[in-house]
Amino acid sequence: MNILLLGKTGQLGWELERTLSPLGKLTALDYPDVDFTKPETLSDTVRNVAPDFIVNAVAYTQVDQAEREPERVRLINAIATGVLAEEAFHLNAGLIHYSTDYVFDGSKGSAYVESDFPNPLNIYGQTKLDGERAIQQVGGNYLILRTSWVYSIRQGGFVTKVLQWARQQTTLRMVTDQVGSPTYARMLAEVTGQLLACSQGSVEWLGAHRGLYHLAGSGAASRFEWAQEILNYDKNAHEHVVKEILPALTPEFPTLAQRPLFSALNCQLFTKTFQLTLPHWTTALRMCMDV
């Protein structure tokens, strides 16, 4: 099995490189060896590797900064993704691509399924949706995996920020009205590896199951609940100076980009199709904090 991984230095890509390497020949690339702001250069990269499978973990994910540079975000999240889909199609290769719960506006009030109408509130979400549609328009052997609130302990993100704040501030204020499905990057990478292992190198197997799926940590939590559990599982809690976590609402923290308030994902279609699932978000968080 010849696999091309793009985005090896991101929090998901870091886990993917270690998960996918036992499955066959793995070529793992990131900037500057591959530059998604120059989509026209990607074709040569893909053709030189001639992979059986492309796993794309590249994304512009700085949600607020994206509002300041929409064209750069569009190049990375939408146009370059379309180029990858075209190259995968021409090579008859499989493509696994990750998208986001931010394609939804959060107004549904319950966990989103794949057939729910997307309505992004920000540039990041819109460009990720455009990337999904570019892949679907090309067709071929693809899986689009929408996920939610991805985190790891190795790189900056909500978990590491909460741990840092707990050591600096006596009072933390966390929003209770933003709800999602926290997803441990390692679990997401391991399920990706299981998918490729199930394929036994058959691109046709992937094609037979092609489509859009939700894949995130089971259950849902607010940022407030998530922060509470992070501190509960911190093995170095003796370092905390924080005394209390207070509930707050999103309008109290103005940001450039508007965020969906309820973007939890229903992953039953993925489970039914592949007989795989991610653990409950609290279980995965405990595993992450034990690393």
Foldseek 3Di string as FASTA:
>chain_A
DQEEEEDCPDQLNVLLVVQQVVVDHYDYDYPPVDDLLCLVPVLVVCVVSLGQEYEYPWADDPFQVCQVPLSSRLSRQAVSLLSVLLSCQVSLHEYEEEAELQQAQQPPVDADFPPDDGDHQGSRSVSNVNSVVSNVVSAGQYEYEYEYQEDACPDDHLLVVLVVVQLPDQEAEFEQQAKAFYAYSNLVSNVVSVVCVVCVSPSVVSSVVHDYFYAYAPDMGGSQVVSVLSLVLAPVVVSGNHNYYHYDHPVVPDGNTDGHRHRYHDGVVVCVVPVDHHYHRSVVSNVRNVD
